[in-house]
Amino acid sequence: METRAAARTSPVRWGAAALGVLAALLGLRVATGSLPVDALPNAVRDLITLSVSVLVESLPFVFLGVLLSVLVQVWVPSSVFDRLLPRIPVLRRAVMSLLGVLLPVCECGNVPLARGLLIRGLTVPETMTFLLAAPILNPVTITTTYQAFGWDHGILVGRIAGGFVIANLVGWLFSRHPRPTELLTPSFEASCRAHRDHPVAGHRMRRSALGFAEESTAMLPALVVGSFIAGAIQVGVPREVLVALGSNPVWSVLALMVLAFVIAICSNVDAFFILSFGSTFMPGAIVAFLVFGAMIDVKMLALMRTTFTTATLARMTAVVALAALVLGFGVNVLA
């Protein structure tokens, strides 16, 4: 029981800290409400606007992901996964990567859902595969990408096929780890063990409420921090520098990957955002933006840090970045 209590102490503290920060921001807003907008420097105004935009855009999907996580943890029997998933590890990960077709949640909401899958007993590589593939292989993302680009230059096909291959590549690489539980943070690994060894007693509705509170207090502080970092980086990185690199087949891919990392835009609408760059950047750069940004960005890293160690995230980011580079170069060659 001590392990279980320790596993929950950190999320509760983080939740209290997040509420404190929110109260401070509201107090600051009330205190400065009468001040003219022009009294703030342009950089500060841009930072606030961009950070709040990322936060507001992501918040509904995070809560949706938390609800799905609670659904998986409390209402779906473990035998369902045993019956539906193949026995062969490679095929299990392939099926997990396609689970996003049934769960149209963007990358923000997939983090709490992935946590629920881990608590439910799925392996770390299987959950990683789902986490990276689901933001791309869901019907909303596929539909918006088609509406933005159609079949032009293989952008839609490159995004779907590239996302599937890269996610399964990452899952296979991490499946080679001799002790996969070491890829998780000690606190979350302890939480998984506590849920397994000492299941929460009581009615399902009570367990659902406790699970929702626990996941929310773990996710919201990370989301706030990630949104602020995304806004700060966007203010500090001149957009003109990225656009100037757009016509080069190599630098264009790198430039849009950097943009995807810092802009931290939802995978369900990123195709419409990057559509305005279509006449400036090469098709491979756009595909790299759509694939890399849906899997890895500053906001996602902040959210995933609640579950995976820093070393794990560094290796994951490196593999996804290199694979997205190769994908972007390949599309440019074929185009």
C-alpha atoms as a PDB file:
ATOM      1  CA  MET A   1       0.000   0.000   0.000  1.00  0.00           C
ATOM      2  CA  GLU A   2       2.939   2.318   0.617  1.00  0.00           C
ATOM      3  CA  THR A   3       4.000   1.903  -2.994  1.00  0.00           C
ATOM      4  CA  ARG A   4       0.555   2.840  -4.169  1.00  0.00           C
ATOM      5  CA  ALA A   5       0.440   5.911  -1.957  1.00  0.00           C
ATOM      6  CA  ALA A   6       3.872   6.992  -3.157  1.00  0.00           C
ATOM      7  CA  ALA A   7       2.835   6.531  -6.787  1.00  0.00           C
ATOM      8  CA  ARG A   8      -0.056   8.931  -6.264  1.00  0.00           C
ATOM      9  CA  THR A   9       1.726  11.566  -4.204  1.00  0.00           C
ATOM     10  CA  SER A  10       3.581  13.147  -7.125  1.00  0.00           C
ATOM     11  CA  PRO A  11       0.496  13.598  -9.399  1.00  0.00           C
ATOM     12  CA  VAL A  12      -1.452  15.133  -6.517  1.00  0.00           C
ATOM     13  CA  ARG A  13       1.346  17.608  -5.813  1.00  0.00           C
ATOM     14  CA  TRP A  14       1.628  18.448  -9.483  1.00  0.00           C
ATOM     15  CA  GLY A  15      -2.128  18.963  -9.650  1.00  0.00           C
ATOM     16  CA  ALA A  16      -2.029  21.326  -6.692  1.00  0.00           C
ATOM     17  CA  ALA A  17       0.869  23.203  -8.296  1.00  0.00           C
ATOM     18  CA  ALA A  18      -1.046  23.484 -11.589  1.00  0.00           C
ATOM     19  CA  LEU A  19      -4.090  24.888  -9.780  1.00  0.00           C
ATOM     20  CA  GLY A  20      -1.814  27.359  -8.004  1.00  0.00           C
ATOM     21  CA  VAL A  21      -0.302  28.522 -11.306  1.00  0.00           C
ATOM     22  CA  LEU A  22      -3.776  28.844 -12.828  1.00  0.00           C
ATOM     23  CA  ALA A  23      -4.984  30.901  -9.853  1.00  0.00           C
ATOM     24  CA  ALA A  24      -1.910  33.130 -10.121  1.00  0.00           C
ATOM     25  CA  LEU A  25      -2.528  33.675 -13.843  1.00  0.00           C
ATOM     26  CA  LEU A  26      -6.180  34.536 -13.206  1.00  0.00           C
ATOM     27  CA  GLY A  27      -5.128  36.943 -10.465  1.00  0.00           C
ATOM     28  CA  LEU A  28      -2.600  38.546 -12.793  1.00  0.00           C
ATOM     29  CA  ARG A  29      -5.247  38.865 -15.494  1.00  0.00           C
ATOM     30  CA  VAL A  30      -7.660  40.581 -13.104  1.00  0.00           C
ATOM     31  CA  ALA A  31      -4.950  42.886 -11.756  1.00  0.00           C
ATOM     32  CA  THR A  32      -3.766  43.925 -15.217  1.00  0.00           C
ATOM     33  CA  GLY A  33      -7.138  43.913 -16.953  1.00  0.00           C
ATOM     34  CA  SER A  34      -7.338  47.698 -17.011  1.00  0.00           C
ATOM     35  CA  LEU A  35      -3.883  48.109 -18.534  1.00  0.00           C
ATOM     36  CA  PRO A  36      -3.719  48.887 -22.267  1.00  0.00           C
ATOM     37  CA  VAL A  37      -2.543  46.025 -24.453  1.00  0.00           C
ATOM     38  CA  ASP A  38       0.179  48.221 -25.915  1.00  0.00           C
ATOM     39  CA  ALA A  39       1.790  48.417 -22.484  1.00  0.00           C
ATOM     40  CA  LEU A  40       3.153  44.895 -22.971  1.00  0.00           C
ATOM     41  CA  PRO A  41       6.137  44.280 -25.255  1.00  0.00           C
ATOM     42  CA  ASN A  42       5.354  42.564 -28.565  1.00  0.00           C
ATOM     43  CA  ALA A  43       7.361  39.485 -27.604  1.00  0.00           C
ATOM     44  CA  VAL A  44       5.380  39.062 -24.380  1.00  0.00           C
ATOM     45  CA  ARG A  45       2.065  39.436 -26.183  1.00  0.00           C
ATOM     46  CA  ASP A  46       3.123  36.901 -28.809  1.00  0.00           C
ATOM     47  CA  LEU A  47       4.301  34.494 -26.104  1.00  0.00           C
ATOM     48  CA  ILE A  48       0.977  34.685 -24.260  1.00  0.00           C
ATOM     49  CA  THR A  49      -1.067  34.354 -27.445  1.00  0.00           C
ATOM     50  CA  LEU A  50       0.870  31.390 -28.824  1.00  0.00           C
ATOM     51  CA  SER A  51       1.068  29.553 -25.497  1.00  0.00           C
ATOM     52  CA  VAL A  52      -2.642  29.956 -24.799  1.00  0.00           C
ATOM     53  CA  SER A  53      -3.485  28.914 -28.366  1.00  0.00           C
ATOM     54  CA  VAL A  54      -1.565  25.650 -28.020  1.00  0.00           C
ATOM     55  CA  LEU A  55      -3.117  25.025 -24.607  1.00  0.00           C
ATOM     56  CA  VAL A  56      -6.699  25.708 -25.712  1.00  0.00           C
ATOM     57  CA  GLU A  57      -6.275  23.621 -28.859  1.00  0.00           C
ATOM     58  CA  SER A  58      -4.885  20.650 -26.945  1.00  0.00           C
ATOM     59  CA  LEU A  59      -6.983  20.662 -23.773  1.00  0.00           C
ATOM     60  CA  PRO A  60     -10.177  19.014 -25.184  1.00  0.00           C
ATOM     61  CA  PHE A  61      -8.141  16.180 -26.726  1.00  0.00           C
ATOM     62  CA  VAL A  62      -6.261  15.601 -23.478  1.00  0.00           C
ATOM     63  CA  PHE A  63      -9.534  15.241 -21.568  1.00  0.00           C
ATOM     64  CA  LEU A  64     -10.867  12.934 -24.288  1.00  0.00           C
ATOM     65  CA  GLY A  65      -7.717  10.846 -23.955  1.00  0.00           C
ATOM     66  CA  VAL A  66      -8.124  10.722 -20.174  1.00  0.00           C
ATOM     67  CA  LEU A  67     -11.714   9.513 -20.591  1.00  0.00           C
ATOM     68  CA  LEU A  68     -10.610   6.802 -23.007  1.00  0.00           C
ATOM     69  CA  SER A  69      -7.813   5.850 -20.619  1.00  0.00           C
ATOM     70  CA  VAL A  70     -10.320   5.410 -17.791  1.00  0.00           C
ATOM     71  CA  LEU A  71     -12.553   3.410 -20.126  1.00  0.00           C
ATOM     72  CA  VAL A  72      -9.680   1.051 -20.942  1.00  0.00           C
ATOM     73  CA  GLN A  73      -8.535   0.725 -17.333  1.00  0.00           C
ATOM     74  CA  VAL A  74     -11.903   0.237 -15.660  1.00  0.00           C
ATOM     75  CA  TRP A  75     -14.510  -0.873 -18.172  1.00  0.00           C
ATOM     76  CA  VAL A  76     -12.635  -3.009 -20.727  1.00  0.00           C
ATOM     77  CA  PRO A  77     -11.666  -6.510 -19.492  1.00  0.00           C
ATOM     78  CA  SER A  78      -8.034  -7.529 -20.015  1.00  0.00           C
ATOM     79  CA  SER A  79      -9.228 -10.608 -21.886  1.00  0.00           C
ATOM     80  CA  VAL A  80     -10.408  -8.373 -24.738  1.00  0.00           C
ATOM     81  CA  PHE A  81      -6.821  -7.509 -25.708  1.00  0.00           C
ATOM     82  CA  ASP A  82      -5.742 -11.129 -25.361  1.00  0.00           C
ATOM     83  CA  ARG A  83      -8.502 -12.241 -27.712  1.00  0.00           C
ATOM     84  CA  LEU A  84      -8.136  -9.517 -30.325  1.00  0.00           C
ATOM     85  CA  LEU A  85      -4.358  -9.107 -30.568  1.00  0.00           C
ATOM     86  CA  PRO A  86      -2.216 -11.672 -32.431  1.00  0.00           C
ATOM     87  CA  ARG A  87       0.321 -13.742 -30.523  1.00  0.00           C
ATOM     88  CA  ILE A  88       3.286 -12.842 -32.753  1.00  0.00           C
ATOM     89  CA  PRO A  89       4.938  -9.642 -31.407  1.00  0.00           C
ATOM     90  CA  VAL A  90       5.462  -8.036 -34.833  1.00  0.00           C
ATOM     91  CA  LEU A  91       1.813  -8.555 -35.744  1.00  0.00           C
ATOM     92  CA  ARG A  92       0.670  -7.339 -32.314  1.00  0.00           C
ATOM     93  CA  ARG A  93       2.519  -4.076 -32.810  1.00  0.00           C
ATOM     94  CA  ALA A  94       1.143  -3.729 -36.345  1.00  0.00           C
ATOM     95  CA  VAL A  95      -2.401  -4.134 -35.039  1.00  0.00           C
ATOM     96  CA  MET A  96      -1.707  -1.684 -32.208  1.00  0.00           C
ATOM     97  CA  SER A  97      -0.480   0.888 -34.727  1.00  0.00           C
ATOM     98  CA  LEU A  98      -3.843   0.623 -36.508  1.00  0.00           C
ATOM     99  CA  LEU A  99      -5.842   1.129 -33.307  1.00  0.00           C
ATOM    100  CA  GLY A 100      -5.918   4.849 -34.060  1.00  0.00           C
ATOM    101  CA  VAL A 101      -8.405   4.123 -36.855  1.00  0.00           C
ATOM    102  CA  LEU A 102     -10.955   3.311 -34.154  1.00  0.00           C
ATOM    103  CA  LEU A 103      -9.855   6.057 -31.745  1.00  0.00           C
ATOM    104  CA  PRO A 104      -9.723   9.449 -33.519  1.00  0.00           C
ATOM    105  CA  VAL A 105      -7.662  11.219 -30.855  1.00  0.00           C
ATOM    106  CA  CYS A 106      -4.769  13.530 -31.670  1.00  0.00           C
ATOM    107  CA  GLU A 107      -1.295  13.098 -30.186  1.00  0.00           C
ATOM    108  CA  CYS A 108      -2.151  14.955 -26.949  1.00  0.00           C
ATOM    109  CA  GLY A 109      -5.018  12.659 -26.004  1.00  0.00           C
ATOM    110  CA  ASN A 110      -3.068   9.552 -26.957  1.00  0.00           C
ATOM    111  CA  VAL A 111      -0.608   9.979 -24.073  1.00  0.00           C
ATOM    112  CA  PRO A 112      -3.144   9.351 -21.263  1.00  0.00           C
ATOM    113  CA  LEU A 113      -4.694   6.599 -23.378  1.00  0.00           C
ATOM    114  CA  ALA A 114      -1.281   4.970 -23.780  1.00  0.00           C
ATOM    115  CA  ARG A 115      -0.792   5.176 -20.013  1.00  0.00           C
ATOM    116  CA  GLY A 116      -4.062   3.327 -19.587  1.00  0.00           C
ATOM    117  CA  LEU A 117      -2.937   0.611 -21.993  1.00  0.00           C
ATOM    118  CA  LEU A 118       0.307   0.178 -20.043  1.00  0.00           C
ATOM    119  CA  ILE A 119      -1.543  -0.072 -16.753  1.00  0.00           C
ATOM    120  CA  ARG A 120      -3.856  -2.621 -18.373  1.00  0.00           C
ATOM    121  CA  GLY A 121      -0.900  -4.861 -19.154  1.00  0.00           C
ATOM    122  CA  LEU A 122       0.224  -4.086 -22.709  1.00  0.00           C
ATOM    123  CA  THR A 123       3.980  -4.023 -23.234  1.00  0.00           C
ATOM    124  CA  VAL A 124       6.033  -0.848 -23.565  1.00  0.00           C
ATOM    125  CA  PRO A 125       6.984  -1.456 -27.267  1.00  0.00           C
ATOM    126  CA  GLU A 126       3.353  -2.178 -28.182  1.00  0.00           C
ATOM    127  CA  THR A 127       2.190   0.986 -26.464  1.00  0.00           C
ATOM    128  CA  MET A 128       4.956   3.052 -28.086  1.00  0.00           C
ATOM    129  CA  THR A 129       3.873   1.808 -31.499  1.00  0.00           C
ATOM    130  CA  PHE A 130       0.292   2.862 -30.817  1.00  0.00           C
ATOM    131  CA  LEU A 131       1.377   6.204 -29.360  1.00  0.00           C
ATOM    132  CA  LEU A 132       3.363   7.194 -32.466  1.00  0.00           C
ATOM    133  CA  ALA A 133       1.067   5.764 -35.127  1.00  0.00           C
ATOM    134  CA  ALA A 134      -2.367   6.711 -33.806  1.00  0.00           C
ATOM    135  CA  PRO A 135      -2.101  10.505 -34.391  1.00  0.00           C
ATOM    136  CA  ILE A 136      -1.510   9.818 -38.101  1.00  0.00           C
ATOM    137  CA  LEU A 137      -3.550   6.681 -38.739  1.00  0.00           C
ATOM    138  CA  ASN A 138      -6.860   7.999 -37.499  1.00  0.00           C
ATOM    139  CA  PRO A 139      -9.783   8.902 -39.791  1.00  0.00           C
ATOM    140  CA  VAL A 140      -9.857  12.606 -38.859  1.00  0.00           C
ATOM    141  CA  THR A 141      -6.174  13.144 -39.716  1.00  0.00           C
ATOM    142  CA  ILE A 142      -6.430  11.128 -42.939  1.00  0.00           C
ATOM    143  CA  THR A 143      -9.545  13.058 -44.022  1.00  0.00           C
ATOM    144  CA  THR A 144      -8.091  16.509 -43.324  1.00  0.00           C
ATOM    145  CA  THR A 145      -4.835  15.601 -45.095  1.00  0.00           C
ATOM    146  CA  TYR A 146      -6.796  14.451 -48.140  1.00  0.00           C
ATOM    147  CA  GLN A 147      -8.910  17.614 -48.119  1.00  0.00           C
ATOM    148  CA  ALA A 148      -5.772  19.752 -47.983  1.00  0.00           C
ATOM    149  CA  PHE A 149      -3.603  17.945 -50.560  1.00  0.00           C
ATOM    150  CA  GLY A 150      -5.683  15.270 -52.276  1.00  0.00           C
ATOM    151  CA  TRP A 151      -3.404  12.794 -54.055  1.00  0.00           C
ATOM    152  CA  ASP A 152      -0.896  15.472 -55.135  1.00  0.00           C
ATOM    153  CA  HIS A 153       2.813  14.580 -54.988  1.00  0.00           C
ATOM    154  CA  GLY A 154       2.170  11.497 -52.849  1.00  0.00           C
ATOM    155  CA  ILE A 155       1.827  13.599 -49.684  1.00  0.00           C
ATOM    156  CA  LEU A 156      -1.169  11.666 -48.323  1.00  0.00           C
ATOM    157  CA  VAL A 157       0.306   8.252 -49.144  1.00  0.00           C
ATOM    158  CA  GLY A 158       3.706   9.299 -47.795  1.00  0.00           C
ATOM    159  CA  ARG A 159       2.173  10.409 -44.508  1.00  0.00           C
ATOM    160  CA  ILE A 160       0.102   7.253 -43.976  1.00  0.00           C
ATOM    161  CA  ALA A 161       2.752   4.754 -45.087  1.00  0.00           C
ATOM    162  CA  GLY A 162       5.600   6.661 -43.458  1.00  0.00           C
ATOM    163  CA  GLY A 163       3.764   6.980 -40.147  1.00  0.00           C
ATOM    164  CA  PHE A 164       2.971   3.261 -40.077  1.00  0.00           C
ATOM    165  CA  VAL A 165       6.533   2.189 -40.915  1.00  0.00           C
ATOM    166  CA  ILE A 166       8.259   4.601 -38.521  1.00  0.00           C
ATOM    167  CA  ALA A 167       5.976   3.712 -35.596  1.00  0.00           C
ATOM    168  CA  ASN A 168       6.581  -0.003 -36.106  1.00  0.00           C
ATOM    169  CA  LEU A 169      10.315   0.598 -36.524  1.00  0.00           C
ATOM    170  CA  VAL A 170      10.436   2.342 -33.145  1.00  0.00           C
ATOM    171  CA  GLY A 171       8.358  -0.417 -31.564  1.00  0.00           C
ATOM    172  CA  TRP A 172      10.675  -3.101 -32.948  1.00  0.00           C
ATOM    173  CA  LEU A 173      13.827  -1.288 -31.807  1.00  0.00           C
ATOM    174  CA  PHE A 174      12.574  -0.848 -28.253  1.00  0.00           C
ATOM    175  CA  SER A 175      11.320  -4.452 -28.178  1.00  0.00           C
ATOM    176  CA  ARG A 176      15.002  -5.441 -28.251  1.00  0.00           C
ATOM    177  CA  HIS A 177      15.517  -3.843 -24.838  1.00  0.00           C
ATOM    178  CA  PRO A 178      16.203  -6.588 -22.262  1.00  0.00           C
ATOM    179  CA  ARG A 179      14.206  -4.829 -19.503  1.00  0.00           C
ATOM    180  CA  PRO A 180      11.424  -2.727 -21.086  1.00  0.00           C
ATOM    181  CA  THR A 181      10.070  -1.522 -17.738  1.00  0.00           C
ATOM    182  CA  GLU A 182      13.275   0.504 -17.315  1.00  0.00           C
ATOM    183  CA  LEU A 183      12.047   2.682 -20.190  1.00  0.00           C
ATOM    184  CA  LEU A 184       9.319   4.007 -17.887  1.00  0.00           C
ATOM    185  CA  THR A 185       9.777   6.608 -15.186  1.00  0.00           C
ATOM    186  CA  PRO A 186      10.146   5.040 -11.723  1.00  0.00           C
ATOM    187  CA  SER A 187       6.979   6.757 -10.488  1.00  0.00           C
ATOM    188  CA  PHE A 188       4.812   5.530 -13.358  1.00  0.00           C
ATOM    189  CA  GLU A 189       6.310   2.041 -13.229  1.00  0.00           C
ATOM    190  CA  ALA A 190       5.459   1.962  -9.523  1.00  0.00           C
ATOM    191  CA  SER A 191       1.933   3.122 -10.341  1.00  0.00           C
ATOM    192  CA  CYS A 192       1.525   0.304 -12.881  1.00  0.00           C
ATOM    193  CA  ARG A 193       2.788  -2.214 -10.340  1.00  0.00           C
ATOM    194  CA  ALA A 194       0.474  -0.815  -7.663  1.00  0.00           C
ATOM    195  CA  HIS A 195      -2.552  -1.049  -9.942  1.00  0.00           C
ATOM    196  CA  ARG A 196      -1.630  -4.629 -10.759  1.00  0.00           C
ATOM    197  CA  ASP A 197      -0.824  -5.795  -7.218  1.00  0.00           C
ATOM    198  CA  HIS A 198      -3.462  -3.760  -5.361  1.00  0.00           C
ATOM    199  CA  PRO A 199      -6.427  -3.076  -7.670  1.00  0.00           C
ATOM    200  CA  VAL A 200      -8.706  -0.232  -6.591  1.00  0.00           C
ATOM    201  CA  ALA A 201     -11.760  -1.616  -4.856  1.00  0.00           C
ATOM    202  CA  GLY A 202     -15.268  -0.295  -5.094  1.00  0.00           C
ATOM    203  CA  HIS A 203     -17.865   0.456  -7.730  1.00  0.00           C
ATOM    204  CA  ARG A 204     -16.723   1.109 -11.278  1.00  0.00           C
ATOM    205  CA  MET A 205     -17.986   4.678 -11.194  1.00  0.00           C
ATOM    206  CA  ARG A 206     -15.867   5.400  -8.112  1.00  0.00           C
ATOM    207  CA  ARG A 207     -12.829   3.800  -9.720  1.00  0.00           C
ATOM    208  CA  SER A 208     -13.479   5.821 -12.889  1.00  0.00           C
ATOM    209  CA  ALA A 209     -13.616   9.073 -10.926  1.00  0.00           C
ATOM    210  CA  LEU A 210     -10.367   8.246  -9.113  1.00  0.00           C
ATOM    211  CA  GLY A 211      -8.691   7.285 -12.393  1.00  0.00           C
ATOM    212  CA  PHE A 212      -9.851  10.476 -14.101  1.00  0.00           C
ATOM    213  CA  ALA A 213      -8.514  12.612 -11.246  1.00  0.00           C
ATOM    214  CA  GLU A 214      -5.187  10.770 -11.187  1.00  0.00           C
ATOM    215  CA  GLU A 215      -4.607  11.004 -14.949  1.00  0.00           C
ATOM    216  CA  SER A 216      -5.742  14.639 -15.131  1.00  0.00           C
ATOM    217  CA  THR A 217      -3.364  15.731 -12.379  1.00  0.00           C
ATOM    218  CA  ALA A 218      -0.547  13.953 -14.202  1.00  0.00           C
ATOM    219  CA  MET A 219      -1.329  15.391 -17.654  1.00  0.00           C
ATOM    220  CA  LEU A 220      -2.406  18.993 -17.049  1.00  0.00           C
ATOM    221  CA  PRO A 221       0.839  20.339 -15.526  1.00  0.00           C
ATOM    222  CA  ALA A 222       2.850  18.755 -18.353  1.00  0.00           C
ATOM    223  CA  LEU A 223       0.469  20.271 -20.916  1.00  0.00           C
ATOM    224  CA  VAL A 224       0.816  23.753 -19.403  1.00  0.00           C
ATOM    225  CA  VAL A 225       4.617  23.508 -19.364  1.00  0.00           C
ATOM    226  CA  GLY A 226       4.733  22.113 -22.911  1.00  0.00           C
ATOM    227  CA  SER A 227       2.434  24.841 -24.230  1.00  0.00           C
ATOM    228  CA  PHE A 228       4.575  27.549 -22.666  1.00  0.00           C
ATOM    229  CA  ILE A 229       7.777  26.080 -24.120  1.00  0.00           C
ATOM    230  CA  ALA A 230       6.153  25.795 -27.547  1.00  0.00           C
ATOM    231  CA  GLY A 231       5.105  29.446 -27.394  1.00  0.00           C
ATOM    232  CA  ALA A 232       8.536  30.588 -26.219  1.00  0.00           C
ATOM    233  CA  ILE A 233      10.353  28.739 -29.004  1.00  0.00           C
ATOM    234  CA  GLN A 234       7.985  30.093 -31.642  1.00  0.00           C
ATOM    235  CA  VAL A 235       8.690  33.618 -30.454  1.00  0.00           C
ATOM    236  CA  GLY A 236      12.437  33.013 -30.510  1.00  0.00           C
ATOM    237  CA  VAL A 237      12.723  31.270 -33.912  1.00  0.00           C
ATOM    238  CA  PRO A 238      12.214  33.674 -36.850  1.00  0.00           C
ATOM    239  CA  ARG A 239       9.747  32.219 -39.346  1.00  0.00           C
ATOM    240  CA  GLU A 240      11.538  34.033 -42.181  1.00  0.00           C
ATOM    241  CA  VAL A 241      14.645  31.896 -41.672  1.00  0.00           C
ATOM    242  CA  LEU A 242      12.645  28.708 -42.149  1.00  0.00           C
ATOM    243  CA  VAL A 243      10.867  29.988 -45.256  1.00  0.00           C
ATOM    244  CA  ALA A 244      14.170  31.052 -46.832  1.00  0.00           C
ATOM    245  CA  LEU A 245      15.298  27.415 -46.762  1.00  0.00           C
ATOM    246  CA  GLY A 246      12.173  26.093 -48.460  1.00  0.00           C
ATOM    247  CA  SER A 247      13.490  25.584 -51.989  1.00  0.00           C
ATOM    248  CA  ASN A 248      16.457  23.412 -51.032  1.00  0.00           C
ATOM    249  CA  PRO A 249      15.702  19.641 -51.176  1.00  0.00           C
ATOM    250  CA  VAL A 250      17.723  18.977 -48.024  1.00  0.00           C
ATOM    251  CA  TRP A 251      17.340  22.104 -45.927  1.00  0.00           C
ATOM    252  CA  SER A 252      13.632  22.351 -46.693  1.00  0.00           C
ATOM    253  CA  VAL A 253      13.046  19.008 -44.952  1.00  0.00           C
ATOM    254  CA  LEU A 254      15.094  20.036 -41.922  1.00  0.00           C
ATOM    255  CA  ALA A 255      13.431  23.449 -41.766  1.00  0.00           C
ATOM    256  CA  LEU A 256       9.883  22.082 -41.711  1.00  0.00           C
ATOM    257  CA  MET A 257      10.827  19.418 -39.173  1.00  0.00           C
ATOM    258  CA  VAL A 258      12.090  22.187 -36.892  1.00  0.00           C
ATOM    259  CA  LEU A 259       8.873  24.103 -37.515  1.00  0.00           C
ATOM    260  CA  ALA A 260       6.784  21.005 -36.706  1.00  0.00           C
ATOM    261  CA  PHE A 261       8.712  20.515 -33.483  1.00  0.00           C
ATOM    262  CA  VAL A 262       8.229  24.073 -32.232  1.00  0.00           C
ATOM    263  CA  ILE A 263       4.754  24.866 -33.558  1.00  0.00           C
ATOM    264  CA  ALA A 264       3.215  21.866 -31.701  1.00  0.00           C
ATOM    265  CA  ILE A 265       0.002  21.957 -33.712  1.00  0.00           C
ATOM    266  CA  CYS A 266      -2.653  19.257 -33.463  1.00  0.00           C
ATOM    267  CA  SER A 267      -2.298  16.424 -36.001  1.00  0.00           C
ATOM    268  CA  ASN A 268      -5.986  16.717 -36.858  1.00  0.00           C
ATOM    269  CA  VAL A 269      -5.506  20.180 -38.388  1.00  0.00           C
ATOM    270  CA  ASP A 270      -1.789  20.443 -39.199  1.00  0.00           C
ATOM    271  CA  ALA A 271      -2.406  19.684 -42.906  1.00  0.00           C
ATOM    272  CA  PHE A 272      -4.376  22.924 -43.304  1.00  0.00           C
ATOM    273  CA  PHE A 273      -1.668  24.864 -41.473  1.00  0.00           C
ATOM    274  CA  ILE A 274       1.145  23.622 -43.713  1.00  0.00           C
ATOM    275  CA  LEU A 275      -0.969  23.973 -46.871  1.00  0.00           C
ATOM    276  CA  SER A 276      -0.007  27.656 -47.013  1.00  0.00           C
ATOM    277  CA  PHE A 277       3.650  26.563 -47.344  1.00  0.00           C
ATOM    278  CA  GLY A 278       2.880  24.267 -50.283  1.00  0.00           C
ATOM    279  CA  SER A 279       4.096  26.688 -52.932  1.00  0.00           C
ATOM    280  CA  THR A 280       7.324  27.424 -51.026  1.00  0.00           C
ATOM    281  CA  PHE A 281       8.473  24.038 -49.726  1.00  0.00           C
ATOM    282  CA  MET A 282       9.080  20.796 -51.580  1.00  0.00           C
ATOM    283  CA  PRO A 283       6.657  17.830 -51.118  1.00  0.00           C
ATOM    284  CA  GLY A 284       9.180  15.806 -49.096  1.00  0.00           C
ATOM    285  CA  ALA A 285       9.499  18.633 -46.585  1.00  0.00           C
ATOM    286  CA  ILE A 286       5.721  18.757 -46.160  1.00  0.00           C
ATOM    287  CA  VAL A 287       5.545  14.977 -45.619  1.00  0.00           C
ATOM    288  CA  ALA A 288       8.353  15.192 -43.042  1.00  0.00           C
ATOM    289  CA  PHE A 289       6.453  17.995 -41.275  1.00  0.00           C
ATOM    290  CA  LEU A 290       3.223  15.988 -41.213  1.00  0.00           C
ATOM    291  CA  VAL A 291       4.899  12.810 -39.948  1.00  0.00           C
ATOM    292  CA  PHE A 292       7.485  14.154 -37.507  1.00  0.00           C
ATOM    293  CA  GLY A 293       5.232  16.805 -35.969  1.00  0.00           C
ATOM    294  CA  ALA A 294       2.436  14.322 -35.307  1.00  0.00           C
ATOM    295  CA  MET A 295       4.845  12.032 -33.451  1.00  0.00           C
ATOM    296  CA  ILE A 296       7.285  14.382 -31.715  1.00  0.00           C
ATOM    297  CA  ASP A 297       6.995  18.019 -30.667  1.00  0.00           C
ATOM    298  CA  VAL A 298       7.824  20.016 -27.546  1.00  0.00           C
ATOM    299  CA  LYS A 299       4.327  19.644 -26.137  1.00  0.00           C
ATOM    300  CA  MET A 300       4.301  15.889 -26.757  1.00  0.00           C
ATOM    301  CA  LEU A 301       7.696  15.461 -25.103  1.00  0.00           C
ATOM    302  CA  ALA A 302       6.429  17.254 -22.012  1.00  0.00           C
ATOM    303  CA  LEU A 303       3.394  14.968 -21.895  1.00  0.00           C
ATOM    304  CA  MET A 304       5.379  11.784 -22.588  1.00  0.00           C
ATOM    305  CA  ARG A 305       7.878  12.707 -19.867  1.00  0.00           C
ATOM    306  CA  THR A 306       5.148  11.788 -17.369  1.00  0.00           C
ATOM    307  CA  THR A 307       5.525   8.195 -18.570  1.00  0.00           C
ATOM    308  CA  PHE A 308       8.949   7.616 -20.171  1.00  0.00           C
ATOM    309  CA  THR A 309      12.442   8.467 -18.943  1.00  0.00           C
ATOM    310  CA  THR A 310      14.440  11.293 -20.500  1.00  0.00           C
ATOM    311  CA  ALA A 311      16.900   8.827 -22.055  1.00  0.00           C
ATOM    312  CA  THR A 312      14.024   6.886 -23.632  1.00  0.00           C
ATOM    313  CA  LEU A 313      12.532  10.043 -25.126  1.00  0.00           C
ATOM    314  CA  ALA A 314      15.921  11.139 -26.461  1.00  0.00           C
ATOM    315  CA  ARG A 315      16.398   7.820 -28.267  1.00  0.00           C
ATOM    316  CA  MET A 316      12.831   7.823 -29.531  1.00  0.00           C
ATOM    317  CA  THR A 317      13.180  11.380 -30.856  1.00  0.00           C
ATOM    318  CA  ALA A 318      16.458  10.551 -32.606  1.00  0.00           C
ATOM    319  CA  VAL A 319      15.003   7.493 -34.365  1.00  0.00           C
ATOM    320  CA  VAL A 320      11.828   9.293 -35.448  1.00  0.00           C
ATOM    321  CA  ALA A 321      13.806  12.332 -36.667  1.00  0.00           C
ATOM    322  CA  LEU A 322      16.241  10.263 -38.731  1.00  0.00           C
ATOM    323  CA  ALA A 323      13.433   8.176 -40.222  1.00  0.00           C
ATOM    324  CA  ALA A 324      11.412  11.299 -41.068  1.00  0.00           C
ATOM    325  CA  LEU A 325      14.499  12.807 -42.735  1.00  0.00           C
ATOM    326  CA  VAL A 326      14.940   9.721 -44.905  1.00  0.00           C
ATOM    327  CA  LEU A 327      11.234   9.754 -45.743  1.00  0.00           C
ATOM    328  CA  GLY A 328      11.328  13.417 -46.716  1.00  0.00           C
ATOM    329  CA  PHE A 329      14.433  12.993 -48.879  1.00  0.00           C
ATOM    330  CA  GLY A 330      12.860   9.970 -50.577  1.00  0.00           C
ATOM    331  CA  VAL A 331       9.649  11.814 -51.417  1.00  0.00           C
ATOM    332  CA  ASN A 332      11.664  14.726 -52.830  1.00  0.00           C
ATOM    333  CA  VAL A 333      13.627  12.333 -55.053  1.00  0.00           C
ATOM    334  CA  LEU A 334      10.454  10.643 -56.328  1.00  0.00           C
ATOM    335  CA  ALA A 335       8.652  13.943 -56.783  1.00  0.00           C
END
